[in-house]
Amino acid sequence: MSVLVTIGPTQEPLDAMRLISNRSTGELGTLIAETLAARGHQVIALRGTGATASPIPLANDKIRLIPFTTTEDIRLALEKLADETRINAVYHAAAVSDFYLPGAGTGKIPTKEGALTLTLEPTPKLLPNMRSWFPDARITGWKFEASGNKEEALAAGRAQISACATDSCVVNGPSYGEGFGLLSREGTLIHLADRNALCAHLAES
Protein backbone atom coordinates (compact mmCIF):
# COMPACT_ATOMS: atom_id res chain seq x y z
CA MET A 1 0.00 0.00 0.00
CA SER A 2 0.89 3.65 -0.31
CA VAL A 3 0.80 5.01 3.24
CA LEU A 4 1.11 8.55 4.58
CA VAL A 5 2.43 9.20 8.10
CA THR A 6 2.69 12.64 9.71
CA ILE A 7 5.38 12.81 12.39
CA GLY A 8 6.59 15.10 15.17
CA PRO A 9 5.87 18.66 16.25
CA THR A 10 5.03 21.80 14.35
CA GLN A 11 6.90 25.02 15.10
CA GLU A 12 4.90 28.22 14.79
CA PRO A 13 6.94 31.46 14.66
CA LEU A 14 6.53 34.37 17.05
CA ASP A 15 9.25 36.32 15.22
CA ALA A 16 12.37 35.42 13.24
CA MET A 17 14.05 33.96 16.36
CA ARG A 18 11.29 32.63 18.61
CA LEU A 19 8.60 29.99 18.16
CA ILE A 20 5.78 28.00 19.74
CA SER A 21 6.17 24.23 19.75
CA ASN A 22 5.46 21.23 21.98
CA ARG A 23 7.24 18.28 23.56
CA SER A 24 6.63 15.77 20.77
CA THR A 25 9.84 14.00 19.77
CA GLY A 26 8.48 12.29 16.67
CA GLU A 27 9.62 8.92 18.04
CA LEU A 28 6.27 7.16 17.69
CA GLY A 29 5.52 8.46 14.21
CA THR A 30 9.02 7.54 13.05
CA LEU A 31 8.61 4.03 14.44
CA ILE A 32 5.26 3.68 12.66
CA ALA A 33 6.80 4.77 9.34
CA GLU A 34 9.76 2.41 9.71
CA THR A 35 7.54 -0.51 10.74
CA LEU A 36 5.26 0.02 7.74
CA ALA A 37 8.26 0.20 5.41
CA ALA A 38 9.70 -2.99 6.91
CA ARG A 39 6.42 -4.74 6.08
CA GLY A 40 6.81 -3.74 2.43
CA HIS A 41 4.57 -0.68 2.23
CA GLN A 42 5.59 2.47 0.38
CA VAL A 43 5.61 5.23 2.98
CA ILE A 44 5.43 9.00 2.61
CA ALA A 45 6.68 10.50 5.88
CA LEU A 46 5.93 14.14 6.65
CA ARG A 47 8.36 14.75 9.54
CA GLY A 48 8.71 17.91 11.58
CA THR A 49 12.09 19.62 11.51
CA GLY A 50 11.76 19.96 15.29
CA ALA A 51 11.59 16.19 15.84
CA THR A 52 14.42 14.99 18.09
CA ALA A 53 13.96 11.23 17.61
CA SER A 54 16.52 9.38 15.51
CA PRO A 55 16.12 10.47 11.89
CA ILE A 56 14.77 8.22 9.16
CA PRO A 57 17.72 6.89 7.08
CA LEU A 58 17.79 8.68 3.76
CA ALA A 59 18.87 5.42 2.11
CA ASN A 60 15.56 3.74 2.94
CA ASP A 61 14.00 3.34 -0.50
CA LYS A 62 10.60 2.47 1.00
CA ILE A 63 10.24 5.87 2.69
CA ARG A 64 9.88 9.22 0.96
CA LEU A 65 10.73 11.91 3.50
CA ILE A 66 9.10 15.35 3.31
CA PRO A 67 10.12 17.83 6.06
CA PHE A 68 7.81 20.46 7.50
CA THR A 69 8.06 23.23 10.07
CA THR A 70 4.68 24.94 10.44
CA THR A 71 1.12 23.71 10.26
CA GLU A 72 0.77 25.59 7.00
CA ASP A 73 3.72 23.59 5.62
CA ILE A 74 1.88 20.34 6.37
CA ARG A 75 -1.34 21.61 4.85
CA LEU A 76 0.36 22.59 1.61
CA ALA A 77 2.20 19.26 1.44
CA LEU A 78 -1.02 17.31 2.03
CA GLU A 79 -2.89 19.23 -0.64
CA LYS A 80 -0.07 18.59 -3.11
CA LEU A 81 0.01 14.88 -2.30
CA ALA A 82 -3.78 14.68 -2.66
CA ASP A 83 -3.45 16.00 -6.22
CA GLU A 84 -0.47 13.83 -7.18
CA THR A 85 -0.63 10.52 -5.32
CA ARG A 86 -3.16 7.81 -4.54
CA ILE A 87 -2.93 7.18 -0.80
CA ASN A 88 -4.36 3.99 0.74
CA ALA A 89 -3.91 4.84 4.42
CA VAL A 90 -3.15 7.91 6.53
CA TYR A 91 -1.73 7.92 10.07
CA HIS A 92 -1.89 11.49 11.37
CA ALA A 93 0.49 11.20 14.33
CA ALA A 94 1.98 14.70 14.12
CA ALA A 95 1.57 16.92 17.18
CA VAL A 96 0.16 20.05 15.56
CA SER A 97 0.35 23.21 17.63
CA ASP A 98 -3.00 24.31 19.06
CA PHE A 99 -2.16 28.01 18.67
CA TYR A 100 -0.19 30.32 16.38
CA LEU A 101 0.53 34.04 16.03
CA PRO A 102 -1.04 35.44 12.85
CA GLY A 103 1.24 37.80 10.97
CA ALA A 104 4.36 36.84 12.94
CA GLY A 105 7.09 39.23 11.78
CA THR A 106 10.50 38.61 10.31
CA GLY A 107 12.42 40.68 12.87
CA LYS A 108 13.15 40.03 16.54
CA ILE A 109 10.72 41.32 19.17
CA PRO A 110 12.78 43.61 21.46
CA THR A 111 12.93 42.90 25.19
CA LYS A 112 13.98 46.41 26.24
CA GLU A 113 10.38 47.57 26.18
CA GLY A 114 9.46 45.16 28.97
CA ALA A 115 6.39 42.95 29.26
CA LEU A 116 4.78 41.75 26.06
CA THR A 117 1.23 40.61 25.33
CA LEU A 118 0.58 38.47 22.28
CA THR A 119 -2.83 37.36 21.02
CA LEU A 120 -2.64 33.79 19.75
CA GLU A 121 -5.31 32.21 17.59
CA PRO A 122 -6.30 28.54 17.26
CA THR A 123 -4.33 26.78 14.56
CA PRO A 124 -6.55 25.54 11.70
CA LYS A 125 -7.14 21.80 12.14
CA LEU A 126 -5.88 19.39 9.50
CA LEU A 127 -7.72 16.18 10.38
CA PRO A 128 -11.21 17.42 9.37
CA ASN A 129 -9.87 17.95 5.83
CA MET A 130 -8.24 14.53 5.44
CA ARG A 131 -11.39 12.83 4.13
CA SER A 132 -11.79 15.35 1.30
CA TRP A 133 -8.08 15.16 0.47
CA PHE A 134 -7.88 11.36 0.58
CA PRO A 135 -11.47 10.12 0.07
CA ASP A 136 -10.58 6.45 -0.42
CA ALA A 137 -7.94 6.14 2.29
CA ARG A 138 -8.22 4.50 5.69
CA ILE A 139 -7.57 7.44 8.01
CA THR A 140 -6.38 7.20 11.61
CA GLY A 141 -6.21 10.21 13.90
CA TRP A 142 -4.67 10.67 17.35
CA LYS A 143 -6.13 11.94 20.60
CA PHE A 144 -3.67 12.74 23.40
CA GLU A 145 -5.58 13.64 26.54
CA ALA A 146 -3.86 15.01 29.65
CA SER A 147 -6.89 15.79 31.84
CA GLY A 148 -9.90 13.75 32.85
CA ASN A 149 -10.19 9.98 33.10
CA LYS A 150 -9.95 7.05 30.71
CA GLU A 151 -13.63 7.07 29.74
CA GLU A 152 -13.46 10.78 28.98
CA ALA A 153 -10.37 10.24 26.82
CA LEU A 154 -12.13 7.48 24.88
CA ALA A 155 -15.21 9.67 24.49
CA ALA A 156 -12.99 12.38 22.98
CA GLY A 157 -11.59 9.81 20.55
CA ARG A 158 -15.07 8.70 19.50
CA ALA A 159 -16.09 12.33 19.03
CA GLN A 160 -13.06 12.88 16.80
CA ILE A 161 -13.99 9.93 14.58
CA SER A 162 -17.53 11.25 14.22
CA ALA A 163 -16.54 14.88 13.59
CA CYS A 164 -13.70 14.16 11.16
CA ALA A 165 -15.14 11.13 9.30
CA THR A 166 -12.04 9.09 10.12
CA ASP A 167 -11.88 5.31 10.39
CA SER A 168 -10.09 5.04 13.71
CA CYS A 169 -8.42 6.98 16.51
CA VAL A 170 -5.43 6.20 18.70
CA VAL A 171 -6.07 7.44 22.24
CA ASN A 172 -3.21 7.93 24.70
CA GLY A 173 -1.81 10.24 27.35
CA PRO A 174 -2.18 10.57 31.12
CA SER A 175 -5.97 10.41 30.96
CA TYR A 176 -5.95 7.07 29.13
CA GLY A 177 -3.13 5.62 31.20
CA GLU A 178 -0.49 3.09 30.15
CA GLY A 179 -0.45 1.96 26.54
CA PHE A 180 -2.75 2.95 23.69
CA GLY A 181 -6.43 2.52 22.89
CA LEU A 182 -7.29 2.01 19.23
CA LEU A 183 -10.91 2.93 18.57
CA SER A 184 -12.69 2.03 15.35
CA ARG A 185 -15.59 3.78 13.64
CA GLU A 186 -17.66 0.67 14.39
CA GLY A 187 -17.11 1.18 18.12
CA THR A 188 -14.56 -1.52 18.91
CA LEU A 189 -11.65 -0.80 21.26
CA ILE A 190 -8.32 -2.61 21.14
CA HIS A 191 -5.83 -1.98 23.94
CA LEU A 192 -2.18 -2.11 22.89
CA ALA A 193 0.38 -2.28 25.66
CA ASP A 194 3.21 -0.28 24.12
CA ARG A 195 4.54 1.46 21.01
CA ASN A 196 5.87 -1.71 19.41
CA ALA A 197 2.50 -3.45 19.79
CA LEU A 198 0.71 -0.42 18.33
CA CYS A 199 3.05 -0.17 15.34
CA ALA A 200 2.80 -3.91 14.63
CA HIS A 201 -1.00 -3.76 14.74
CA LEU A 202 -1.19 -0.71 12.46
CA ALA A 203 1.16 -2.35 9.96
CA GLU A 204 -1.01 -5.46 9.82
CA SER A 205 -4.44 -3.83 9.69
C-alpha atoms as a PDB file:
ATOM      1  CA  MET A   1       0.000   0.000   0.000  1.00  0.00           C
ATOM      2  CA  SER A   2       0.890   3.654  -0.308  1.00  0.00           C
ATOM      3  CA  VAL A   3       0.802   5.005   3.238  1.00  0.00           C
ATOM      4  CA  LEU A   4       1.111   8.553   4.577  1.00  0.00           C
ATOM      5  CA  VAL A   5       2.426   9.203   8.096  1.00  0.00           C
ATOM      6  CA  THR A   6       2.692  12.643   9.712  1.00  0.00           C
ATOM      7  CA  ILE A   7       5.381  12.814  12.391  1.00  0.00           C
ATOM      8  CA  GLY A   8       6.591  15.096  15.167  1.00  0.00           C
ATOM      9  CA  PRO A   9       5.873  18.664  16.246  1.00  0.00           C
ATOM     10  CA  THR A  10       5.027  21.796  14.347  1.00  0.00           C
ATOM     11  CA  GLN A  11       6.904  25.015  15.097  1.00  0.00           C
ATOM     12  CA  GLU A  12       4.903  28.219  14.790  1.00  0.00           C
ATOM     13  CA  PRO A  13       6.938  31.459  14.659  1.00  0.00           C
ATOM     14  CA  LEU A  14       6.529  34.374  17.047  1.00  0.00           C
ATOM     15  CA  ASP A  15       9.250  36.317  15.215  1.00  0.00           C
ATOM     16  CA  ALA A  16      12.366  35.417  13.243  1.00  0.00           C
ATOM     17  CA  MET A  17      14.048  33.955  16.357  1.00  0.00           C
ATOM     18  CA  ARG A  18      11.288  32.631  18.613  1.00  0.00           C
ATOM     19  CA  LEU A  19       8.603  29.991  18.157  1.00  0.00           C
ATOM     20  CA  ILE A  20       5.784  27.996  19.741  1.00  0.00           C
ATOM     21  CA  SER A  21       6.174  24.229  19.746  1.00  0.00           C
ATOM     22  CA  ASN A  22       5.463  21.226  21.976  1.00  0.00           C
ATOM     23  CA  ARG A  23       7.245  18.283  23.562  1.00  0.00           C
ATOM     24  CA  SER A  24       6.627  15.771  20.767  1.00  0.00           C
ATOM     25  CA  THR A  25       9.844  14.003  19.774  1.00  0.00           C
ATOM     26  CA  GLY A  26       8.478  12.289  16.669  1.00  0.00           C
ATOM     27  CA  GLU A  27       9.616   8.921  18.040  1.00  0.00           C
ATOM     28  CA  LEU A  28       6.265   7.156  17.691  1.00  0.00           C
ATOM     29  CA  GLY A  29       5.517   8.459  14.205  1.00  0.00           C
ATOM     30  CA  THR A  30       9.019   7.544  13.049  1.00  0.00           C
ATOM     31  CA  LEU A  31       8.607   4.031  14.438  1.00  0.00           C
ATOM     32  CA  ILE A  32       5.264   3.678  12.665  1.00  0.00           C
ATOM     33  CA  ALA A  33       6.803   4.765   9.343  1.00  0.00           C
ATOM     34  CA  GLU A  34       9.759   2.409   9.713  1.00  0.00           C
ATOM     35  CA  THR A  35       7.536  -0.514  10.738  1.00  0.00           C
ATOM     36  CA  LEU A  36       5.258   0.020   7.741  1.00  0.00           C
ATOM     37  CA  ALA A  37       8.261   0.202   5.412  1.00  0.00           C
ATOM     38  CA  ALA A  38       9.704  -2.986   6.906  1.00  0.00           C
ATOM     39  CA  ARG A  39       6.419  -4.741   6.085  1.00  0.00           C
ATOM     40  CA  GLY A  40       6.814  -3.739   2.427  1.00  0.00           C
ATOM     41  CA  HIS A  41       4.567  -0.677   2.229  1.00  0.00           C
ATOM     42  CA  GLN A  42       5.594   2.471   0.378  1.00  0.00           C
ATOM     43  CA  VAL A  43       5.613   5.231   2.982  1.00  0.00           C
ATOM     44  CA  ILE A  44       5.432   9.002   2.614  1.00  0.00           C
ATOM     45  CA  ALA A  45       6.682  10.498   5.885  1.00  0.00           C
ATOM     46  CA  LEU A  46       5.928  14.145   6.653  1.00  0.00           C
ATOM     47  CA  ARG A  47       8.356  14.749   9.540  1.00  0.00           C
ATOM     48  CA  GLY A  48       8.714  17.912  11.579  1.00  0.00           C
ATOM     49  CA  THR A  49      12.093  19.622  11.509  1.00  0.00           C
ATOM     50  CA  GLY A  50      11.761  19.965  15.288  1.00  0.00           C
ATOM     51  CA  ALA A  51      11.588  16.190  15.844  1.00  0.00           C
ATOM     52  CA  THR A  52      14.417  14.992  18.091  1.00  0.00           C
ATOM     53  CA  ALA A  53      13.963  11.232  17.609  1.00  0.00           C
ATOM     54  CA  SER A  54      16.521   9.382  15.509  1.00  0.00           C
ATOM     55  CA  PRO A  55      16.115  10.466  11.890  1.00  0.00           C
ATOM     56  CA  ILE A  56      14.767   8.218   9.163  1.00  0.00           C
ATOM     57  CA  PRO A  57      17.723   6.895   7.081  1.00  0.00           C
ATOM     58  CA  LEU A  58      17.793   8.675   3.760  1.00  0.00           C
ATOM     59  CA  ALA A  59      18.874   5.425   2.111  1.00  0.00           C
ATOM     60  CA  ASN A  60      15.555   3.740   2.942  1.00  0.00           C
ATOM     61  CA  ASP A  61      13.999   3.337  -0.496  1.00  0.00           C
ATOM     62  CA  LYS A  62      10.599   2.470   1.000  1.00  0.00           C
ATOM     63  CA  ILE A  63      10.236   5.866   2.694  1.00  0.00           C
ATOM     64  CA  ARG A  64       9.875   9.221   0.959  1.00  0.00           C
ATOM     65  CA  LEU A  65      10.729  11.913   3.498  1.00  0.00           C
ATOM     66  CA  ILE A  66       9.098  15.346   3.310  1.00  0.00           C
ATOM     67  CA  PRO A  67      10.116  17.828   6.056  1.00  0.00           C
ATOM     68  CA  PHE A  68       7.809  20.462   7.495  1.00  0.00           C
ATOM     69  CA  THR A  69       8.061  23.233  10.070  1.00  0.00           C
ATOM     70  CA  THR A  70       4.683  24.944  10.440  1.00  0.00           C
ATOM     71  CA  THR A  71       1.115  23.706  10.262  1.00  0.00           C
ATOM     72  CA  GLU A  72       0.774  25.594   7.001  1.00  0.00           C
ATOM     73  CA  ASP A  73       3.722  23.593   5.624  1.00  0.00           C
ATOM     74  CA  ILE A  74       1.884  20.336   6.370  1.00  0.00           C
ATOM     75  CA  ARG A  75      -1.339  21.613   4.855  1.00  0.00           C
ATOM     76  CA  LEU A  76       0.359  22.594   1.607  1.00  0.00           C
ATOM     77  CA  ALA A  77       2.198  19.259   1.437  1.00  0.00           C
ATOM     78  CA  LEU A  78      -1.023  17.310   2.031  1.00  0.00           C
ATOM     79  CA  GLU A  79      -2.894  19.228  -0.640  1.00  0.00           C
ATOM     80  CA  LYS A  80      -0.070  18.594  -3.114  1.00  0.00           C
ATOM     81  CA  LEU A  81       0.014  14.882  -2.297  1.00  0.00           C
ATOM     82  CA  ALA A  82      -3.775  14.679  -2.658  1.00  0.00           C
ATOM     83  CA  ASP A  83      -3.447  15.996  -6.224  1.00  0.00           C
ATOM     84  CA  GLU A  84      -0.470  13.825  -7.177  1.00  0.00           C
ATOM     85  CA  THR A  85      -0.635  10.519  -5.321  1.00  0.00           C
ATOM     86  CA  ARG A  86      -3.156   7.807  -4.544  1.00  0.00           C
ATOM     87  CA  ILE A  87      -2.931   7.183  -0.795  1.00  0.00           C
ATOM     88  CA  ASN A  88      -4.362   3.993   0.739  1.00  0.00           C
ATOM     89  CA  ALA A  89      -3.906   4.840   4.424  1.00  0.00           C
ATOM     90  CA  VAL A  90      -3.147   7.911   6.532  1.00  0.00           C
ATOM     91  CA  TYR A  91      -1.727   7.916  10.074  1.00  0.00           C
ATOM     92  CA  HIS A  92      -1.894  11.486  11.369  1.00  0.00           C
ATOM     93  CA  ALA A  93       0.490  11.202  14.332  1.00  0.00           C
ATOM     94  CA  ALA A  94       1.984  14.705  14.115  1.00  0.00           C
ATOM     95  CA  ALA A  95       1.575  16.925  17.183  1.00  0.00           C
ATOM     96  CA  VAL A  96       0.164  20.046  15.560  1.00  0.00           C
ATOM     97  CA  SER A  97       0.347  23.210  17.630  1.00  0.00           C
ATOM     98  CA  ASP A  98      -3.004  24.314  19.059  1.00  0.00           C
ATOM     99  CA  PHE A  99      -2.158  28.013  18.674  1.00  0.00           C
ATOM    100  CA  TYR A 100      -0.192  30.323  16.379  1.00  0.00           C
ATOM    101  CA  LEU A 101       0.530  34.039  16.032  1.00  0.00           C
ATOM    102  CA  PRO A 102      -1.043  35.440  12.847  1.00  0.00           C
ATOM    103  CA  GLY A 103       1.241  37.801  10.970  1.00  0.00           C
ATOM    104  CA  ALA A 104       4.363  36.845  12.936  1.00  0.00           C
ATOM    105  CA  GLY A 105       7.087  39.230  11.779  1.00  0.00           C
ATOM    106  CA  THR A 106      10.498  38.615  10.307  1.00  0.00           C
ATOM    107  CA  GLY A 107      12.417  40.682  12.868  1.00  0.00           C
ATOM    108  CA  LYS A 108      13.145  40.033  16.544  1.00  0.00           C
ATOM    109  CA  ILE A 109      10.719  41.317  19.168  1.00  0.00           C
ATOM    110  CA  PRO A 110      12.782  43.609  21.462  1.00  0.00           C
ATOM    111  CA  THR A 111      12.934  42.896  25.195  1.00  0.00           C
ATOM    112  CA  LYS A 112      13.985  46.408  26.244  1.00  0.00           C
ATOM    113  CA  GLU A 113      10.381  47.570  26.182  1.00  0.00           C
ATOM    114  CA  GLY A 114       9.457  45.157  28.972  1.00  0.00           C
ATOM    115  CA  ALA A 115       6.390  42.950  29.262  1.00  0.00           C
ATOM    116  CA  LEU A 116       4.781  41.751  26.060  1.00  0.00           C
ATOM    117  CA  THR A 117       1.230  40.614  25.335  1.00  0.00           C
ATOM    118  CA  LEU A 118       0.581  38.468  22.278  1.00  0.00           C
ATOM    119  CA  THR A 119      -2.830  37.357  21.016  1.00  0.00           C
ATOM    120  CA  LEU A 120      -2.642  33.792  19.747  1.00  0.00           C
ATOM    121  CA  GLU A 121      -5.314  32.212  17.586  1.00  0.00           C
ATOM    122  CA  PRO A 122      -6.302  28.537  17.263  1.00  0.00           C
ATOM    123  CA  THR A 123      -4.334  26.779  14.559  1.00  0.00           C
ATOM    124  CA  PRO A 124      -6.547  25.538  11.696  1.00  0.00           C
ATOM    125  CA  LYS A 125      -7.143  21.801  12.140  1.00  0.00           C
ATOM    126  CA  LEU A 126      -5.882  19.386   9.499  1.00  0.00           C
ATOM    127  CA  LEU A 127      -7.721  16.175  10.378  1.00  0.00           C
ATOM    128  CA  PRO A 128     -11.209  17.419   9.373  1.00  0.00           C
ATOM    129  CA  ASN A 129      -9.868  17.946   5.827  1.00  0.00           C
ATOM    130  CA  MET A 130      -8.243  14.531   5.440  1.00  0.00           C
ATOM    131  CA  ARG A 131     -11.391  12.828   4.126  1.00  0.00           C
ATOM    132  CA  SER A 132     -11.790  15.348   1.304  1.00  0.00           C
ATOM    133  CA  TRP A 133      -8.075  15.163   0.470  1.00  0.00           C
ATOM    134  CA  PHE A 134      -7.881  11.364   0.579  1.00  0.00           C
ATOM    135  CA  PRO A 135     -11.471  10.124   0.074  1.00  0.00           C
ATOM    136  CA  ASP A 136     -10.580   6.452  -0.423  1.00  0.00           C
ATOM    137  CA  ALA A 137      -7.938   6.137   2.291  1.00  0.00           C
ATOM    138  CA  ARG A 138      -8.221   4.499   5.688  1.00  0.00           C
ATOM    139  CA  ILE A 139      -7.573   7.444   8.012  1.00  0.00           C
ATOM    140  CA  THR A 140      -6.383   7.198  11.612  1.00  0.00           C
ATOM    141  CA  GLY A 141      -6.214  10.210  13.904  1.00  0.00           C
ATOM    142  CA  TRP A 142      -4.671  10.668  17.354  1.00  0.00           C
ATOM    143  CA  LYS A 143      -6.132  11.940  20.603  1.00  0.00           C
ATOM    144  CA  PHE A 144      -3.669  12.739  23.402  1.00  0.00           C
ATOM    145  CA  GLU A 145      -5.579  13.635  26.545  1.00  0.00           C
ATOM    146  CA  ALA A 146      -3.864  15.015  29.647  1.00  0.00           C
ATOM    147  CA  SER A 147      -6.886  15.795  31.839  1.00  0.00           C
ATOM    148  CA  GLY A 148      -9.901  13.752  32.846  1.00  0.00           C
ATOM    149  CA  ASN A 149     -10.189   9.984  33.103  1.00  0.00           C
ATOM    150  CA  LYS A 150      -9.950   7.053  30.707  1.00  0.00           C
ATOM    151  CA  GLU A 151     -13.625   7.067  29.737  1.00  0.00           C
ATOM    152  CA  GLU A 152     -13.458  10.783  28.975  1.00  0.00           C
ATOM    153  CA  ALA A 153     -10.375  10.236  26.821  1.00  0.00           C
ATOM    154  CA  LEU A 154     -12.131   7.476  24.883  1.00  0.00           C
ATOM    155  CA  ALA A 155     -15.212   9.670  24.493  1.00  0.00           C
ATOM    156  CA  ALA A 156     -12.993  12.381  22.980  1.00  0.00           C
ATOM    157  CA  GLY A 157     -11.585   9.805  20.554  1.00  0.00           C
ATOM    158  CA  ARG A 158     -15.073   8.701  19.502  1.00  0.00           C
ATOM    159  CA  ALA A 159     -16.094  12.330  19.027  1.00  0.00           C
ATOM    160  CA  GLN A 160     -13.061  12.885  16.796  1.00  0.00           C
ATOM    161  CA  ILE A 161     -13.988   9.934  14.582  1.00  0.00           C
ATOM    162  CA  SER A 162     -17.534  11.253  14.218  1.00  0.00           C
ATOM    163  CA  ALA A 163     -16.543  14.880  13.591  1.00  0.00           C
ATOM    164  CA  CYS A 164     -13.703  14.158  11.156  1.00  0.00           C
ATOM    165  CA  ALA A 165     -15.144  11.127   9.300  1.00  0.00           C
ATOM    166  CA  THR A 166     -12.036   9.092  10.115  1.00  0.00           C
ATOM    167  CA  ASP A 167     -11.883   5.305  10.386  1.00  0.00           C
ATOM    168  CA  SER A 168     -10.090   5.041  13.712  1.00  0.00           C
ATOM    169  CA  CYS A 169      -8.423   6.983  16.509  1.00  0.00           C
ATOM    170  CA  VAL A 170      -5.428   6.198  18.697  1.00  0.00           C
ATOM    171  CA  VAL A 171      -6.066   7.439  22.239  1.00  0.00           C
ATOM    172  CA  ASN A 172      -3.207   7.926  24.700  1.00  0.00           C
ATOM    173  CA  GLY A 173      -1.812  10.243  27.345  1.00  0.00           C
ATOM    174  CA  PRO A 174      -2.176  10.574  31.124  1.00  0.00           C
ATOM    175  CA  SER A 175      -5.974  10.407  30.956  1.00  0.00           C
ATOM    176  CA  TYR A 176      -5.950   7.074  29.133  1.00  0.00           C
ATOM    177  CA  GLY A 177      -3.127   5.616  31.196  1.00  0.00           C
ATOM    178  CA  GLU A 178      -0.495   3.092  30.149  1.00  0.00           C
ATOM    179  CA  GLY A 179      -0.454   1.959  26.535  1.00  0.00           C
ATOM    180  CA  PHE A 180      -2.753   2.945  23.687  1.00  0.00           C
ATOM    181  CA  GLY A 181      -6.427   2.519  22.892  1.00  0.00           C
ATOM    182  CA  LEU A 182      -7.285   2.005  19.231  1.00  0.00           C
ATOM    183  CA  LEU A 183     -10.913   2.933  18.572  1.00  0.00           C
ATOM    184  CA  SER A 184     -12.693   2.033  15.351  1.00  0.00           C
ATOM    185  CA  ARG A 185     -15.593   3.782  13.640  1.00  0.00           C
ATOM    186  CA  GLU A 186     -17.665   0.672  14.393  1.00  0.00           C
ATOM    187  CA  GLY A 187     -17.113   1.183  18.117  1.00  0.00           C
ATOM    188  CA  THR A 188     -14.562  -1.515  18.906  1.00  0.00           C
ATOM    189  CA  LEU A 189     -11.651  -0.796  21.261  1.00  0.00           C
ATOM    190  CA  ILE A 190      -8.316  -2.605  21.141  1.00  0.00           C
ATOM    191  CA  HIS A 191      -5.826  -1.981  23.944  1.00  0.00           C
ATOM    192  CA  LEU A 192      -2.184  -2.112  22.888  1.00  0.00           C
ATOM    193  CA  ALA A 193       0.378  -2.279  25.659  1.00  0.00           C
ATOM    194  CA  ASP A 194       3.214  -0.281  24.125  1.00  0.00           C
ATOM    195  CA  ARG A 195       4.537   1.456  21.009  1.00  0.00           C
ATOM    196  CA  ASN A 196       5.867  -1.708  19.406  1.00  0.00           C
ATOM    197  CA  ALA A 197       2.504  -3.450  19.793  1.00  0.00           C
ATOM    198  CA  LEU A 198       0.709  -0.419  18.333  1.00  0.00           C
ATOM    199  CA  CYS A 199       3.045  -0.170  15.343  1.00  0.00           C
ATOM    200  CA  ALA A 200       2.801  -3.909  14.633  1.00  0.00           C
ATOM    201  CA  HIS A 201      -0.998  -3.760  14.737  1.00  0.00           C
ATOM    202  CA  LEU A 202      -1.189  -0.714  12.461  1.00  0.00           C
ATOM    203  CA  ALA A 203       1.160  -2.349   9.959  1.00  0.00           C
ATOM    204  CA  GLU A 204      -1.008  -5.463   9.817  1.00  0.00           C
ATOM    205  CA  SER A 205      -4.438  -3.830   9.692  1.00  0.00           C
END
